[in-house]
Amino acid sequence: MLLNVSQLLMEASGSVREYELDERIGLLDNSREDLVSGEVRLLKTTRSIWVSASFTSDVVNQCDRCLAPFSQSVHMGIEEEYFPTLDPTTGGRSQPENADDDTLYIDENQ
């Protein structure tokens, strides 16, 4: 799922976008896709976008003992902060203070 956040980056802090997700995504391997449903909430902060998301999916697995297939419900929660790589007003490069290897960035396409 790709979301264009360029307009959200131009808005005031506290601006929110909410999206519903209901699509097939390859979760465990590339041989099949499972239906993933959930909600994504994007919150504009003074320097970034805070992503809150909650997803559920029923994933088909295989029992290691009897080899019978079974379905298991999986819940995924995401709380992450993403920083822009470009300043939305000037178009110049942007780098957050105290960035490290774990810092998440919004790509140049924003």
Protein backbone atom coordinates (compact mmCIF):
# COMPACT_ATOMS: atom_id res chain seq x y z
CA MET A 1 0.00 0.00 0.00
CA LEU A 2 1.45 3.33 -1.08
CA LEU A 3 -0.02 6.60 0.15
CA ASN A 4 0.79 10.03 -1.25
CA VAL A 5 1.38 12.31 1.74
CA SER A 6 2.66 15.42 -0.07
CA GLN A 7 -0.48 17.46 0.69
CA LEU A 8 -0.55 16.29 4.31
CA LEU A 9 3.05 17.49 4.75
CA MET A 10 1.97 20.98 3.65
CA GLU A 11 -0.85 21.17 6.21
CA ALA A 12 -0.77 22.31 9.83
CA SER A 13 0.28 20.06 12.69
CA GLY A 14 -2.62 17.94 13.88
CA SER A 15 -4.03 17.32 10.39
CA VAL A 16 -5.23 13.75 9.93
CA ARG A 17 -5.90 11.36 7.05
CA GLU A 18 -7.66 8.04 7.55
CA TYR A 19 -7.77 5.12 5.13
CA GLU A 20 -9.43 1.70 5.03
CA LEU A 21 -7.43 -1.27 3.78
CA ASP A 22 -9.07 -4.34 2.29
CA GLU A 23 -6.75 -5.99 -0.20
CA ARG A 24 -4.76 -9.13 -0.89
CA ILE A 25 -1.11 -9.00 0.19
CA GLY A 26 1.60 -11.67 0.26
CA LEU A 27 2.31 -12.12 3.97
CA LEU A 28 4.16 -15.38 4.57
CA ASP A 29 5.61 -16.12 1.16
CA ASN A 30 5.18 -15.07 -2.44
CA SER A 31 3.23 -18.18 -3.47
CA ARG A 32 -0.13 -16.82 -2.29
CA GLU A 33 -1.77 -13.63 -1.11
CA ASP A 34 -3.95 -13.31 1.99
CA LEU A 35 -6.77 -10.82 2.51
CA VAL A 36 -5.68 -8.06 4.89
CA SER A 37 -8.25 -5.65 6.37
CA GLY A 38 -7.76 -2.70 8.65
CA GLU A 39 -7.41 1.02 9.16
CA VAL A 40 -4.52 3.45 8.71
CA ARG A 41 -4.39 6.86 10.42
CA LEU A 42 -1.78 9.46 9.43
CA LEU A 43 -1.18 12.37 11.82
CA LYS A 44 0.92 15.38 10.75
CA THR A 45 3.30 16.44 13.50
CA THR A 46 5.58 19.48 13.52
CA ARG A 47 8.37 17.51 11.84
CA SER A 48 6.99 14.19 10.60
CA ILE A 49 3.99 11.96 9.99
CA TRP A 50 2.91 9.58 12.73
CA VAL A 51 1.36 6.37 11.37
CA SER A 52 -1.09 4.37 13.47
CA ALA A 53 -2.47 1.25 11.83
CA SER A 54 -4.35 -1.88 12.82
CA PHE A 55 -4.71 -4.86 10.49
CA THR A 56 -6.22 -8.33 10.68
CA SER A 57 -5.88 -11.31 8.39
CA ASP A 58 -6.71 -15.00 8.33
CA VAL A 59 -3.55 -16.80 7.28
CA VAL A 60 -3.60 -20.41 6.10
CA ASN A 61 -0.78 -22.49 7.58
CA GLN A 62 0.18 -26.15 7.62
CA CYS A 63 0.41 -28.20 10.80
CA ASP A 64 3.96 -29.53 11.27
CA ARG A 65 2.71 -32.70 12.94
CA CYS A 66 -0.17 -33.87 10.72
CA LEU A 67 0.43 -31.62 7.65
CA ALA A 68 -3.23 -30.57 7.61
CA PRO A 69 -3.94 -26.96 6.60
CA PHE A 70 -5.47 -24.64 9.19
CA SER A 71 -6.47 -20.98 9.31
CA GLN A 72 -5.15 -18.65 11.99
CA SER A 73 -6.30 -15.10 12.65
CA VAL A 74 -3.41 -12.64 12.87
CA HIS A 75 -3.51 -9.07 14.22
CA MET A 76 -0.85 -6.51 13.31
CA GLY A 77 -0.50 -3.11 14.95
CA ILE A 78 1.81 -0.33 13.75
CA GLU A 79 2.86 2.86 15.54
CA GLU A 80 5.71 4.51 13.62
CA GLU A 81 7.06 7.99 12.87
CA TYR A 82 8.15 8.76 9.29
CA PHE A 83 10.31 11.75 8.35
CA PRO A 84 10.26 13.51 4.96
CA THR A 85 13.47 13.44 2.90
CA LEU A 86 12.47 16.66 1.12
CA ASP A 87 11.25 19.91 2.66
CA PRO A 88 7.67 20.25 1.35
CA THR A 89 7.87 24.05 1.03
CA THR A 90 11.32 24.47 -0.54
CA GLY A 91 11.91 21.10 -2.20
CA GLY A 92 15.37 20.98 -0.62
CA ARG A 93 16.81 17.95 1.14
CA SER A 94 15.69 17.43 4.72
CA GLN A 95 17.33 15.42 7.54
CA PRO A 96 15.83 15.07 11.04
CA GLU A 97 17.97 15.84 14.07
CA ASN A 98 19.21 12.80 15.98
CA ALA A 99 18.58 10.48 13.01
CA ASP A 100 20.00 6.96 13.28
CA ASP A 101 19.88 3.69 11.34
CA ASP A 102 16.38 2.94 12.63
CA THR A 103 14.88 6.24 11.44
CA LEU A 104 12.07 5.73 8.90
CA TYR A 105 11.83 8.06 5.91
CA ILE A 106 9.18 9.06 3.41
CA ASP A 107 10.63 8.56 -0.08
CA GLU A 108 11.21 11.37 -2.58
CA ASN A 109 7.84 10.73 -4.24
CA GLN A 110 6.05 11.56 -0.96
